[in-house]
Protein backbone atom coordinates (compact mmCIF):
# COMPACT_ATOMS: atom_id res chain seq x y z
CA MET A 1 0.00 0.00 0.00
CA PHE A 2 1.29 3.46 -0.93
CA PHE A 3 0.23 6.80 0.54
CA LEU A 4 0.34 10.23 -1.11
CA THR A 5 -0.53 13.36 0.84
CA SER A 6 -1.58 16.57 -0.84
CA ILE A 7 -2.39 20.10 0.23
CA LEU A 8 -4.79 22.42 -1.53
CA LEU A 9 -3.51 25.13 -3.84
CA GLY A 10 -2.73 28.25 -1.79
CA ASN A 11 -2.00 26.29 1.40
CA GLY A 12 1.21 25.19 3.10
CA ASN A 13 4.29 25.59 0.92
CA SER A 14 2.42 25.81 -2.36
CA SER A 15 2.33 28.91 -4.51
CA TYR A 16 -0.28 31.56 -3.74
CA PRO A 17 -2.16 32.30 -6.97
CA ASP A 18 -5.17 34.57 -7.34
CA ALA A 19 -7.19 33.76 -4.21
CA LEU A 20 -10.51 34.50 -5.88
CA ARG A 21 -10.24 33.11 -9.42
CA GLU A 22 -7.67 30.33 -9.04
CA ALA A 23 -7.56 29.12 -5.42
CA GLN A 24 -11.15 27.90 -5.48
CA THR A 25 -12.95 24.61 -5.17
CA GLN A 26 -13.29 23.57 -8.81
CA VAL A 27 -9.57 24.13 -9.33
CA TYR A 28 -8.91 21.89 -6.31
CA VAL A 29 -11.15 19.22 -7.84
CA GLU A 30 -9.43 19.36 -11.22
CA THR A 31 -5.98 19.29 -9.61
CA ILE A 32 -6.72 16.16 -7.56
CA HIS A 33 -8.40 14.54 -10.57
CA GLN A 34 -5.25 15.08 -12.63
CA VAL A 35 -3.07 13.66 -9.84
CA ILE A 36 -5.28 10.54 -9.67
CA GLN A 37 -5.00 10.08 -13.43
CA GLN A 38 -1.21 10.36 -13.24
CA LEU A 39 -1.07 7.86 -10.37
CA LYS A 40 -3.07 5.32 -12.34
CA ALA A 41 -0.88 5.87 -15.40
CA GLY A 42 2.31 5.36 -13.38
CA GLU A 43 3.52 8.87 -14.09
CA ILE A 44 4.42 9.65 -10.46
CA ASP A 45 7.57 7.86 -9.23
CA GLY A 46 7.04 5.20 -11.88
CA ILE A 47 4.47 3.34 -9.78
CA ARG A 48 1.14 2.45 -11.41
CA TRP A 49 -1.63 2.65 -8.82
CA ARG A 50 -4.23 -0.04 -9.43
CA ARG A 51 -6.73 1.28 -6.90
CA VAL A 52 -7.12 4.68 -5.26
CA ALA A 53 -8.76 5.68 -1.96
CA LEU A 54 -9.14 9.37 -1.21
CA VAL A 55 -9.36 10.75 2.34
CA GLY A 56 -10.50 14.36 2.61
CA PHE A 57 -10.95 16.55 5.67
CA SER A 58 -13.01 19.77 5.80
CA ILE A 59 -12.68 21.52 2.41
CA GLY A 60 -10.66 18.49 1.32
CA GLY A 61 -13.72 16.37 2.13
CA ILE A 62 -15.85 18.64 -0.04
CA VAL A 63 -13.34 18.21 -2.86
CA ALA A 64 -13.57 14.42 -2.43
CA ASN A 65 -17.38 14.62 -2.49
CA SER A 66 -17.28 16.65 -5.70
CA ILE A 67 -14.80 14.27 -7.37
CA THR A 68 -17.11 11.31 -6.74
CA ASP A 69 -19.82 13.26 -8.55
CA GLN A 70 -17.81 14.66 -11.47
CA TYR A 71 -15.37 11.75 -11.87
CA PRO A 72 -17.08 8.74 -10.26
CA LEU A 73 -14.59 6.25 -11.75
CA ASP A 74 -11.54 8.02 -10.27
CA LEU A 75 -11.90 6.47 -6.84
CA ASP A 76 -12.37 2.99 -5.49
CA THR A 77 -13.02 4.22 -1.95
CA VAL A 78 -13.72 7.62 -0.41
CA LEU A 79 -13.47 8.78 3.22
CA LEU A 80 -15.04 12.09 4.22
CA HIS A 81 -13.87 13.60 7.51
CA GLY A 82 -15.55 16.59 9.12
CA ILE A 83 -18.14 17.58 6.52
CA SER A 84 -21.90 17.64 6.25
CA TRP A 85 -24.37 18.85 3.63
CA ASP A 86 -25.98 21.41 5.96
CA VAL A 87 -25.30 24.56 3.91
CA THR A 88 -27.60 26.60 6.18
CA TRP A 89 -24.99 26.28 8.94
CA LEU A 90 -21.72 26.40 7.04
CA TYR A 91 -21.66 30.07 6.06
CA PRO A 92 -22.84 31.40 9.45
CA ALA A 93 -20.14 29.25 11.05
CA PHE A 94 -17.52 30.61 8.65
CA ILE A 95 -18.52 34.20 9.44
CA TYR A 96 -18.68 33.51 13.18
CA GLY A 97 -15.12 32.25 12.99
CA VAL A 98 -14.26 35.88 12.06
CA HIS A 99 -11.95 35.17 9.16
CA ALA A 100 -9.88 38.16 8.14
CA PRO A 101 -6.99 38.83 5.72
CA ALA A 102 -3.91 36.97 6.97
CA ALA A 103 -1.64 39.75 5.70
CA GLN A 104 -3.33 42.23 8.04
CA ILE A 105 -3.44 39.87 11.02
CA ASP A 106 0.29 39.13 10.99
CA PRO A 107 2.18 41.32 8.46
CA GLU A 108 5.58 39.96 9.51
CA ARG A 109 4.66 36.35 8.68
CA TRP A 110 2.03 36.80 5.99
CA GLY A 111 2.43 40.32 4.62
CA HIS A 112 3.34 38.87 1.20
CA LEU A 113 -0.07 37.22 0.77
CA PRO A 114 -2.90 38.77 -1.24
CA LEU A 115 -5.68 40.08 0.98
CA GLN A 116 -8.08 37.38 -0.25
CA TYR A 117 -6.21 34.76 1.80
CA LEU A 118 -8.06 34.57 5.11
CA THR A 119 -7.44 33.09 8.53
CA HIS A 120 -8.64 33.31 12.14
CA PRO A 121 -7.46 36.52 13.84
CA THR A 122 -7.46 35.32 17.47
CA PRO A 123 -7.13 32.06 19.42
CA GLU A 124 -10.70 32.55 20.64
CA ALA A 125 -12.06 32.72 17.09
CA ARG A 126 -10.08 29.62 16.17
CA GLU A 127 -11.36 27.69 19.18
CA THR A 128 -14.95 28.66 18.45
CA ALA A 129 -14.70 27.41 14.88
CA CYS A 130 -12.67 24.26 15.41
CA PHE A 131 -12.88 22.89 18.96
CA TYR A 132 -15.57 21.55 21.24
CA GLY A 133 -15.87 19.14 24.15
CA SER A 134 -13.04 16.76 24.95
CA PHE A 135 -9.57 17.97 23.97
CA ASP A 136 -6.31 18.98 25.62
CA ARG A 137 -6.33 22.76 25.93
CA ASN A 138 -2.56 22.81 25.59
CA ILE A 139 -3.06 22.07 21.88
CA LEU A 140 -4.78 25.41 21.25
CA ALA A 141 -1.63 27.54 21.15
CA ALA A 142 0.18 25.22 18.73
CA ASP A 143 -2.86 24.88 16.50
CA PHE A 144 -3.29 28.66 16.34
CA TYR A 145 0.37 29.22 15.47
CA TYR A 146 0.45 26.57 12.73
CA ARG A 147 -2.99 27.34 11.30
CA ASP A 148 -3.27 27.72 7.54
CA PHE A 149 -5.44 29.81 5.24
CA ASP A 150 -8.75 29.70 3.46
CA SER A 151 -9.01 31.58 0.19
CA LEU A 152 -11.95 33.85 -0.53
CA GLY A 153 -12.48 31.86 -3.73
CA ALA A 154 -12.86 28.62 -1.79
CA ALA A 155 -15.20 30.26 0.73
CA ILE A 156 -17.48 31.47 -2.05
CA THR A 157 -17.51 28.25 -4.07
CA LEU A 158 -17.26 25.36 -1.62
CA THR A 159 -20.97 24.91 -0.94
CA TYR A 160 -21.58 24.35 -4.66
CA HIS A 161 -19.49 21.19 -4.31
CA LEU A 162 -21.54 19.64 -1.51
CA VAL A 163 -23.36 17.44 -3.97
CA ASP A 164 -25.03 14.14 -4.73
CA ALA A 165 -22.82 11.45 -6.26
CA PRO A 166 -25.38 9.15 -7.89
CA GLU A 167 -22.90 7.34 -10.18
CA TYR A 168 -20.28 6.53 -7.54
CA ARG A 169 -20.46 2.82 -6.67
CA GLY A 170 -17.62 2.28 -4.23
CA PRO A 171 -17.80 2.34 -0.43
CA VAL A 172 -18.03 5.66 1.44
CA PHE A 173 -17.02 6.52 5.02
CA LEU A 174 -18.12 9.65 6.89
CA GLY A 175 -16.73 10.74 10.26
CA ILE A 176 -17.92 13.86 12.08
CA GLY A 177 -17.95 15.33 15.58
CA GLU A 178 -20.95 15.28 17.91
CA SER A 179 -22.10 17.01 21.06
CA LYS A 180 -25.34 17.45 22.96
CA LEU A 181 -25.04 21.23 22.79
CA TYR A 182 -28.37 21.67 20.99
CA ALA A 183 -30.33 18.93 22.72
CA SER A 184 -32.32 21.47 24.74
CA ILE A 185 -33.81 22.86 21.53
CA PHE A 186 -36.15 19.88 21.34
CA SER A 187 -38.88 19.86 23.98
CA GLN A 188 -39.85 16.24 23.37
CA PRO A 189 -37.57 13.19 23.13
CA LEU A 190 -37.13 11.89 19.61
CA GLU A 191 -37.86 8.29 18.65
CA LEU A 192 -34.58 7.28 17.01
CA PRO A 193 -32.72 3.99 16.47
CA ALA A 194 -30.34 2.99 19.25
CA ASN A 195 -27.29 3.50 17.00
CA PHE A 196 -28.44 6.93 15.80
CA HIS A 197 -26.49 9.94 17.12
CA PRO A 198 -29.08 12.72 17.06
CA TYR A 199 -27.03 15.84 17.68
CA PRO A 200 -23.91 16.08 15.54
CA ASP A 201 -22.19 19.42 16.15
CA ASP A 202 -19.08 19.95 14.06
CA ASN A 203 -18.88 23.72 14.87
CA THR A 204 -18.08 24.67 11.29
CA PHE A 205 -19.92 22.15 9.12
CA CYS A 206 -22.82 21.12 11.28
CA GLY A 207 -24.75 22.62 14.19
CA GLY A 208 -28.15 23.74 15.41
CA PRO A 209 -31.48 22.00 14.93
CA ARG A 210 -31.16 21.59 11.17
CA CYS A 211 -28.08 19.44 11.67
CA LEU A 212 -30.25 16.71 13.13
CA GLY A 213 -29.23 13.49 11.40
CA GLN A 214 -26.94 15.21 8.89
CA ALA A 215 -24.29 12.53 9.19
CA TYR A 216 -26.75 10.00 7.79
CA GLU A 217 -27.46 12.19 4.78
CA VAL A 218 -24.55 10.27 3.22
CA TYR A 219 -27.05 7.50 2.39
CA ASN A 220 -29.07 9.92 0.24
CA ARG A 221 -26.05 11.58 -1.34
CA TYR A 222 -24.48 8.25 -2.33
CA PRO A 223 -27.48 6.13 -3.33
CA ALA A 224 -25.43 3.64 -5.40
CA ALA A 225 -22.51 3.22 -2.97
CA SER A 226 -21.63 -0.38 -2.17
CA ASN A 227 -21.27 0.43 1.55
CA HIS A 228 -22.06 3.35 3.85
CA THR A 229 -20.14 3.65 7.11
CA VAL A 230 -20.98 6.53 9.44
CA LYS A 231 -19.05 7.37 12.61
CA VAL A 232 -20.11 10.21 14.92
CA TYR A 233 -17.59 11.09 17.64
CA ALA A 234 -18.93 12.35 20.95
CA ASN A 235 -17.82 15.71 22.40
CA THR A 236 -15.78 16.51 19.32
CA GLY A 237 -15.50 19.69 17.27
CA HIS A 238 -14.42 20.27 13.69
CA LEU A 239 -10.68 19.51 14.07
CA ILE A 240 -11.36 15.90 14.99
CA LEU A 241 -7.71 14.83 15.05
CA TYR A 242 -6.93 17.44 17.72
CA HIS A 243 -9.58 15.97 20.03
CA HIS A 244 -9.32 12.93 22.25
CA THR A 245 -11.39 11.01 19.71
CA GLY A 246 -8.85 11.65 16.94
CA THR A 247 -7.10 8.31 17.41
CA GLN A 248 -10.46 6.54 17.15
CA LEU A 249 -11.17 8.30 13.86
CA MET A 250 -7.84 7.05 12.51
CA GLU A 251 -8.48 3.51 13.75
CA ASP A 252 -11.97 3.52 12.22
CA SER A 253 -10.64 4.87 8.92
CA LEU A 254 -7.89 2.24 8.71
CA GLN A 255 -10.33 -0.53 9.61
CA PHE A 256 -12.66 0.72 6.87
CA LEU A 257 -9.83 0.67 4.34
CA ARG A 258 -8.77 -2.82 5.35
CA ALA A 259 -12.35 -4.05 5.10
CA HIS A 260 -12.47 -2.85 1.49
CA GLY A 261 -9.24 -4.34 0.28
CA PHE A 262 -6.62 -1.71 1.13
């Protein structure tokens, strides 16, 4: 088994193109699609990849969702971490996170960036957007220092890529955080299956009463998938891997891959 990690254009050590017209979701989709085609053709390191599984977190998960719609034969398996299809919550959460131009927040580090590259201005804003419940508070300072950017182009376009993938026929895994933060909204107990987690609350991608059952929307979005596996992690915010449940997410993801031939 081989692993290839990728960052999105405009993140990490990549170049920083136009943050409105180029660093946007469809460009991410096309870039990953081209990489997958090159892997299958043996054009990267001379190794021909027979099967490909894609793991995407946050905007990366949206990119993976969109690839399974636009290029359903690209992937044999897809794992979506930290996303939902609740677009009514996503933009309010993004605004509440108080994104601002990175170049203005820290000119010494990021003064070279175009103003359309955005990030959280304070540790408090970052915590609100990304953390909830059970995590080691000592991680907050490191996470804030090493945080990356979101482009304005991605922010504008990402919800258009939360889509149905009716032609994708491989297995799909979805993992998302959950809390009971909004349980008091409902005055009467709900009649739900024993294995149903009624109040997912991913801070950024899922929250409030309309998020009820959003994790299980994966069944509707992937009607032809050969398998649906849903994991909802208690007391966990958007940055799942920085919570105490992060190791469980990794174990569940690896078990899912093994179960489907990887």
